[in-house]
Amino acid sequence: MSTLRSEESLKSYNSVHFQNQLNSRLNELKTDMSERPFLWLGIAFLSGFVSNSFPARLLFVVLVRVISWLLGPAILLMGVVKVSDLFFNSHPSERSASTDTGPVIVHPGSTEHSLNG
């Protein structure tokens, strides 16, 4: 019971501490903006210029193309590794034993469970 209270008090302390940090940083930003308004105006203008020059959809399309270009060989490589694990990690006796049973088909109301049975 005491550990539950200590966890709750720790969570509330962390929440209050985070809110205090957030408020202090926001106040620092406000004072910095009032002291140097032209710097912040320049930053806002530059970010607006960049966002209008390079629309977000264009950047998104480029990002998707790069990711898809990189994922193709990665998926192919993962498939090759998986197939090589299937063939080279199992012993020949295990492979022949696994193919002797044949496919398993279960019919409703039937007691036979394989084609070989």
Foldseek 3Di string as FASTA:
>chain_A
DVVVVVVVVVVVVVVVVVVVVVVVVVVVVVVVCVVCVVVVVVVVVVVVVVCVVQPPVNVVVVVVVVVVVVVVVVVVVVVVVVVCCVPPVDDPVVVVVVPVQADFDDDPPDPDTGPVD
